[in-house]
Every structure is written in structure tokens, then in C-alpha cells.
Amino acid sequence: MGGYLGNKSKMIAHHLGNMKSECNIYEIKMKDREYFTPDTLDNAKSKDYESCKFCID
């Protein structure tokens, strides 16, 4: 799976194709999830999300 998932409560973007256990993606509440269109890291960053230090280099 590719793409990016944003955690609205922490303003962190995760790469779903490279997720690590440290990302705790499954613990992000549904109301705090944001999917990006277009599905790019640049789009996430334009919305003030920071890259996850575990799944995005």
C-alpha cells in the first residue's frame, strides 16, 4: 500500500507503504486521520504536516 496518512492531532504525515511499528498508525483515531489529494508528501507539507521520523526519510 502506498500513500500518506496525516495525524491531525499531532500534525505528522506517515508513509503507508513504509510504516513502522513506532508510527502507531493503527492507534490514530478516525476523526484525526487525514488522507491527501493529491496523495503526495508535498501536499501534506503544504498543509503544515511534518514528516514522520520513522517511516519517511
Protein backbone atom coordinates (compact mmCIF):
# COMPACT_ATOMS: atom_id res chain seq x y z
CA MET A 1 0.00 0.00 0.00
CA GLY A 2 1.31 3.42 -0.84
CA GLY A 3 0.18 6.88 0.03
CA TYR A 4 0.22 9.15 3.01
CA LEU A 5 -1.87 9.41 6.15
CA GLY A 6 -1.92 12.52 8.30
CA ASN A 7 -2.46 12.52 12.05
CA LYS A 8 -4.39 15.77 12.66
CA SER A 9 -3.82 15.76 16.42
CA LYS A 10 -0.02 15.60 16.07
CA MET A 11 0.28 17.12 12.55
CA ILE A 12 2.51 14.26 11.39
CA ALA A 13 2.34 12.61 7.95
CA HIS A 14 3.07 8.88 7.66
CA HIS A 15 4.02 6.91 4.55
CA LEU A 16 1.69 3.91 4.50
CA GLY A 17 3.97 1.89 2.22
CA ASN A 18 6.87 2.19 4.68
CA MET A 19 5.12 2.30 8.07
CA LYS A 20 6.98 1.03 11.13
CA SER A 21 5.62 -0.23 14.45
CA GLU A 22 6.84 3.01 16.07
CA CYS A 23 4.40 5.01 13.90
CA ASN A 24 1.40 3.61 15.83
CA ILE A 25 -0.78 4.23 12.77
CA TYR A 26 -3.49 1.85 13.98
CA GLU A 27 -3.89 3.93 17.14
CA ILE A 28 -4.76 7.14 15.24
CA LYS A 29 -8.43 7.86 15.87
CA MET A 30 -10.66 8.03 12.79
CA LYS A 31 -11.50 11.69 13.50
CA ASP A 32 -7.78 12.50 13.50
CA ARG A 33 -6.99 10.82 10.15
CA GLU A 34 -6.48 12.86 7.00
CA TYR A 35 -5.85 11.46 3.54
CA PHE A 36 -4.35 13.78 0.95
CA THR A 37 -5.48 14.60 -2.58
CA PRO A 38 -3.19 14.59 -4.42
CA ASP A 39 -1.59 11.86 -2.33
CA THR A 40 1.90 13.36 -2.04
CA LEU A 41 4.25 14.36 0.73
CA ASP A 42 4.50 17.86 -0.76
CA ASN A 43 0.73 18.24 -0.40
CA ALA A 44 0.88 17.09 3.24
CA LYS A 45 3.69 19.55 3.96
CA SER A 46 1.72 22.36 2.32
CA LYS A 47 -0.92 21.72 4.99
CA ASP A 48 1.71 22.10 7.75
CA TYR A 49 2.25 18.38 8.40
CA GLU A 50 5.72 17.24 9.41
CA SER A 51 7.27 14.01 8.14
CA CYS A 52 7.25 11.04 10.49
CA LYS A 53 10.82 10.36 11.63
CA PHE A 54 10.26 6.59 11.44
CA CYS A 55 8.63 5.98 8.04
CA ILE A 56 9.72 8.96 5.92
CA ASP A 57 13.41 9.56 5.26
